[in-house]
N, C-alpha and C. Protein backbone atom coordinates (compact mmCIF):
# COMPACT_ATOMS: atom_id res chain seq x y z
N MET A 1 151.75 -48.06 51.79
CA MET A 1 150.93 -46.87 51.99
C MET A 1 149.64 -46.97 51.17
N ASN A 2 149.72 -47.60 50.00
CA ASN A 2 148.55 -47.76 49.15
C ASN A 2 147.47 -48.58 49.84
N VAL A 3 147.87 -49.62 50.56
CA VAL A 3 146.91 -50.45 51.29
C VAL A 3 146.24 -49.62 52.37
N LYS A 4 147.02 -48.80 53.06
CA LYS A 4 146.45 -47.96 54.12
C LYS A 4 145.42 -47.00 53.54
N LYS A 5 145.72 -46.42 52.36
CA LYS A 5 144.78 -45.51 51.72
C LYS A 5 143.50 -46.25 51.34
N ASN A 6 143.65 -47.46 50.80
CA ASN A 6 142.47 -48.24 50.43
C ASN A 6 141.61 -48.57 51.63
N ILE A 7 142.24 -48.88 52.76
CA ILE A 7 141.49 -49.18 53.98
C ILE A 7 140.76 -47.93 54.46
N MET A 8 141.44 -46.79 54.39
CA MET A 8 140.79 -45.54 54.80
C MET A 8 139.63 -45.22 53.87
N ASP A 9 139.81 -45.43 52.56
CA ASP A 9 138.72 -45.20 51.62
C ASP A 9 137.55 -46.14 51.91
N LEU A 10 137.86 -47.39 52.20
CA LEU A 10 136.83 -48.38 52.49
C LEU A 10 136.06 -47.99 53.75
N GLN A 11 136.77 -47.59 54.77
CA GLN A 11 136.10 -47.18 56.01
C GLN A 11 135.19 -45.97 55.77
N GLY A 12 135.66 -45.04 54.96
CA GLY A 12 134.83 -43.88 54.63
C GLY A 12 133.61 -44.27 53.83
N ASP A 13 133.79 -45.18 52.89
CA ASP A 13 132.66 -45.67 52.09
C ASP A 13 131.63 -46.37 52.97
N ILE A 14 132.11 -47.19 53.88
CA ILE A 14 131.20 -47.91 54.78
C ILE A 14 130.40 -46.93 55.62
N LYS A 15 131.07 -45.94 56.16
CA LYS A 15 130.38 -44.94 56.99
C LYS A 15 129.34 -44.19 56.15
N TRP A 16 129.70 -43.82 54.93
CA TRP A 16 128.77 -43.12 54.06
C TRP A 16 127.54 -43.99 53.76
N ILE A 17 127.79 -45.27 53.45
CA ILE A 17 126.68 -46.19 53.15
C ILE A 17 125.77 -46.34 54.37
N GLN A 18 126.36 -46.48 55.54
CA GLN A 18 125.56 -46.60 56.76
C GLN A 18 124.70 -45.37 56.98
N ASN A 19 125.28 -44.21 56.78
CA ASN A 19 124.52 -42.97 56.94
C ASN A 19 123.38 -42.88 55.92
N GLU A 20 123.67 -43.25 54.69
CA GLU A 20 122.63 -43.21 53.66
C GLU A 20 121.51 -44.19 53.97
N LEU A 21 121.85 -45.37 54.44
CA LEU A 21 120.82 -46.39 54.74
C LEU A 21 119.92 -45.96 55.88
N ASN A 22 120.43 -45.13 56.78
CA ASN A 22 119.59 -44.64 57.89
C ASN A 22 118.40 -43.84 57.38
N ASP A 23 118.53 -43.25 56.19
CA ASP A 23 117.46 -42.41 55.64
C ASP A 23 116.54 -43.14 54.67
N VAL A 24 116.85 -44.39 54.35
CA VAL A 24 116.05 -45.12 53.36
C VAL A 24 114.74 -45.59 53.98
N LYS A 25 113.66 -45.32 53.26
CA LYS A 25 112.33 -45.74 53.74
C LYS A 25 111.65 -46.69 52.75
N ASP A 26 112.27 -46.95 51.61
CA ASP A 26 111.70 -47.80 50.57
C ASP A 26 111.94 -49.27 50.90
N PRO A 27 110.87 -50.02 51.21
CA PRO A 27 111.05 -51.43 51.58
C PRO A 27 111.63 -52.28 50.45
N ASP A 28 111.34 -51.94 49.19
CA ASP A 28 111.90 -52.70 48.07
C ASP A 28 113.41 -52.50 47.99
N PHE A 29 113.85 -51.28 48.24
CA PHE A 29 115.28 -50.99 48.22
C PHE A 29 115.99 -51.73 49.36
N ILE A 30 115.39 -51.70 50.53
CA ILE A 30 115.96 -52.41 51.68
C ILE A 30 116.02 -53.91 51.38
N ALA A 31 114.97 -54.46 50.78
CA ALA A 31 114.95 -55.89 50.43
C ALA A 31 116.06 -56.21 49.44
N ALA A 32 116.30 -55.32 48.48
CA ALA A 32 117.35 -55.54 47.49
C ALA A 32 118.72 -55.55 48.17
N ILE A 33 118.95 -54.61 49.06
CA ILE A 33 120.22 -54.56 49.79
C ILE A 33 120.39 -55.83 50.64
N LYS A 34 119.32 -56.22 51.31
CA LYS A 34 119.35 -57.42 52.14
C LYS A 34 119.69 -58.65 51.30
N ASN A 35 119.07 -58.76 50.12
CA ASN A 35 119.36 -59.89 49.23
C ASN A 35 120.81 -59.90 48.79
N MET A 36 121.34 -58.72 48.47
CA MET A 36 122.75 -58.65 48.05
C MET A 36 123.67 -59.09 49.18
N LEU A 37 123.39 -58.65 50.41
CA LEU A 37 124.24 -59.03 51.53
C LEU A 37 124.12 -60.52 51.86
N GLN A 38 122.92 -61.06 51.75
CA GLN A 38 122.75 -62.50 51.98
C GLN A 38 123.47 -63.30 50.91
N TYR A 39 123.40 -62.85 49.65
CA TYR A 39 124.09 -63.54 48.56
C TYR A 39 125.61 -63.49 48.79
N ARG A 40 126.11 -62.32 49.19
CA ARG A 40 127.54 -62.15 49.46
C ARG A 40 127.99 -63.12 50.55
N ARG A 41 127.21 -63.23 51.59
CA ARG A 41 127.56 -64.14 52.68
C ARG A 41 127.55 -65.59 52.18
N LYS A 42 126.56 -65.92 51.37
CA LYS A 42 126.44 -67.29 50.87
C LYS A 42 127.63 -67.67 50.00
N VAL A 43 128.06 -66.79 49.11
CA VAL A 43 129.16 -67.13 48.20
C VAL A 43 130.52 -66.97 48.86
N SER A 44 130.62 -66.19 49.94
CA SER A 44 131.91 -66.00 50.57
C SER A 44 132.21 -67.06 51.64
N GLU A 45 131.19 -67.74 52.10
CA GLU A 45 131.39 -68.80 53.08
C GLU A 45 131.54 -70.13 52.35
N PRO A 46 132.71 -70.74 52.45
CA PRO A 46 132.88 -72.00 51.75
C PRO A 46 131.93 -73.06 52.29
N SER A 47 131.40 -73.81 51.40
CA SER A 47 130.48 -74.87 51.76
C SER A 47 131.05 -76.18 51.23
N TYR A 48 131.44 -77.04 52.14
CA TYR A 48 132.02 -78.31 51.75
C TYR A 48 131.12 -79.43 52.23
N GLU A 49 130.78 -80.29 51.31
CA GLU A 49 130.03 -81.47 51.69
C GLU A 49 130.81 -82.68 51.22
N LEU A 50 131.11 -83.55 52.16
CA LEU A 50 131.85 -84.76 51.84
C LEU A 50 130.89 -85.88 51.50
N THR A 51 131.34 -86.74 50.60
CA THR A 51 130.56 -87.94 50.30
C THR A 51 130.75 -88.91 51.46
N GLU A 52 129.91 -89.91 51.52
CA GLU A 52 130.05 -90.93 52.56
C GLU A 52 131.39 -91.64 52.43
N GLU A 53 131.82 -91.88 51.20
CA GLU A 53 133.12 -92.53 50.96
C GLU A 53 134.26 -91.67 51.52
N GLN A 54 134.21 -90.35 51.30
CA GLN A 54 135.24 -89.46 51.82
C GLN A 54 135.23 -89.45 53.35
N LYS A 55 134.03 -89.45 53.93
CA LYS A 55 133.92 -89.49 55.39
C LYS A 55 134.52 -90.78 55.94
N ASP A 56 134.26 -91.89 55.27
CA ASP A 56 134.81 -93.18 55.70
C ASP A 56 136.33 -93.17 55.64
N ILE A 57 136.89 -92.59 54.57
CA ILE A 57 138.34 -92.52 54.43
C ILE A 57 138.93 -91.69 55.57
N LEU A 58 138.32 -90.53 55.86
CA LEU A 58 138.81 -89.69 56.94
C LEU A 58 138.70 -90.39 58.30
N ASP A 59 137.58 -91.08 58.50
CA ASP A 59 137.41 -91.82 59.76
C ASP A 59 138.50 -92.89 59.91
N GLN A 60 138.79 -93.59 58.81
CA GLN A 60 139.81 -94.63 58.86
C GLN A 60 141.19 -94.03 59.13
N ARG A 61 141.48 -92.91 58.49
CA ARG A 61 142.78 -92.25 58.72
C ARG A 61 142.90 -91.77 60.16
N LEU A 62 141.82 -91.28 60.72
CA LEU A 62 141.85 -90.85 62.12
C LEU A 62 142.09 -92.03 63.04
N GLU A 63 141.43 -93.13 62.78
CA GLU A 63 141.64 -94.33 63.60
C GLU A 63 143.08 -94.83 63.47
N ASP A 64 143.62 -94.80 62.25
CA ASP A 64 145.02 -95.20 62.04
C ASP A 64 145.97 -94.31 62.84
N HIS A 65 145.68 -93.01 62.82
CA HIS A 65 146.52 -92.07 63.56
C HIS A 65 146.43 -92.31 65.07
N LYS A 66 145.23 -92.54 65.55
CA LYS A 66 145.07 -92.80 66.99
C LYS A 66 145.80 -94.07 67.40
N ALA A 67 145.80 -95.08 66.53
CA ALA A 67 146.46 -96.34 66.84
C ALA A 67 147.98 -96.20 66.81
N ASN A 68 148.48 -95.28 65.95
CA ASN A 68 149.93 -95.12 65.83
C ASN A 68 150.26 -93.66 65.53
N PRO A 69 150.18 -92.79 66.52
CA PRO A 69 150.36 -91.36 66.28
C PRO A 69 151.75 -90.98 65.78
N ALA A 70 152.76 -91.81 66.03
CA ALA A 70 154.12 -91.49 65.59
C ALA A 70 154.36 -91.83 64.12
N SER A 71 153.38 -92.44 63.47
CA SER A 71 153.59 -92.89 62.08
C SER A 71 153.51 -91.75 61.07
N GLY A 72 152.98 -90.61 61.47
CA GLY A 72 152.84 -89.49 60.54
C GLY A 72 154.14 -88.74 60.34
N ARG A 73 154.08 -87.70 59.52
CA ARG A 73 155.25 -86.87 59.24
C ARG A 73 154.90 -85.43 59.62
N SER A 74 155.91 -84.66 59.96
CA SER A 74 155.67 -83.27 60.32
C SER A 74 155.32 -82.48 59.06
N TRP A 75 154.62 -81.37 59.28
CA TRP A 75 154.24 -80.51 58.16
C TRP A 75 155.49 -79.95 57.48
N SER A 76 156.52 -79.62 58.24
CA SER A 76 157.74 -79.08 57.65
C SER A 76 158.40 -80.11 56.74
N ALA A 77 158.36 -81.38 57.10
CA ALA A 77 158.92 -82.43 56.24
C ALA A 77 158.10 -82.58 54.97
N VAL A 78 156.79 -82.52 55.10
CA VAL A 78 155.93 -82.63 53.92
C VAL A 78 156.17 -81.44 52.99
N LYS A 79 156.24 -80.23 53.55
CA LYS A 79 156.51 -79.04 52.73
C LYS A 79 157.85 -79.14 52.02
N SER A 80 158.83 -79.61 52.72
CA SER A 80 160.16 -79.74 52.12
C SER A 80 160.13 -80.71 50.94
N ASP A 81 159.45 -81.82 51.09
CA ASP A 81 159.33 -82.79 49.99
C ASP A 81 158.58 -82.20 48.81
N LEU A 82 157.50 -81.45 49.08
CA LEU A 82 156.74 -80.82 48.00
C LEU A 82 157.57 -79.78 47.25
N ARG A 83 158.33 -79.00 48.00
CA ARG A 83 159.19 -78.00 47.37
C ARG A 83 160.23 -78.68 46.48
N ALA A 84 160.81 -79.75 46.98
CA ALA A 84 161.85 -80.46 46.22
C ALA A 84 161.24 -81.11 44.96
N LYS A 85 160.04 -81.64 45.11
CA LYS A 85 159.43 -82.36 43.98
C LYS A 85 158.81 -81.41 42.96
N TYR A 86 158.13 -80.35 43.42
CA TYR A 86 157.37 -79.48 42.53
C TYR A 86 157.93 -78.06 42.41
N GLY A 87 158.92 -77.74 43.20
CA GLY A 87 159.50 -76.41 43.12
C GLY A 87 158.59 -75.31 43.63
N VAL A 88 157.74 -75.63 44.57
CA VAL A 88 156.84 -74.60 45.12
C VAL A 88 157.30 -74.16 46.48
């Protein structure tokens, strides 16, 4: 129930913010809000860049898999081994 209340509070807050923004005429304030939203998007979207060496390793693994697709293991088998080894 607490999660439901938080969602309802969030929805109300969003609606209030939207209504308030409709009345804003200050370009500096709008720019500040825009910057905050752009920053939020930038930090919330993971950005992964692989090195050339990592790309080569992945390419080789993909080629190995294509050459012998039955050589891999199922995810459930891998999870089971990890749980047994690390207790997770």
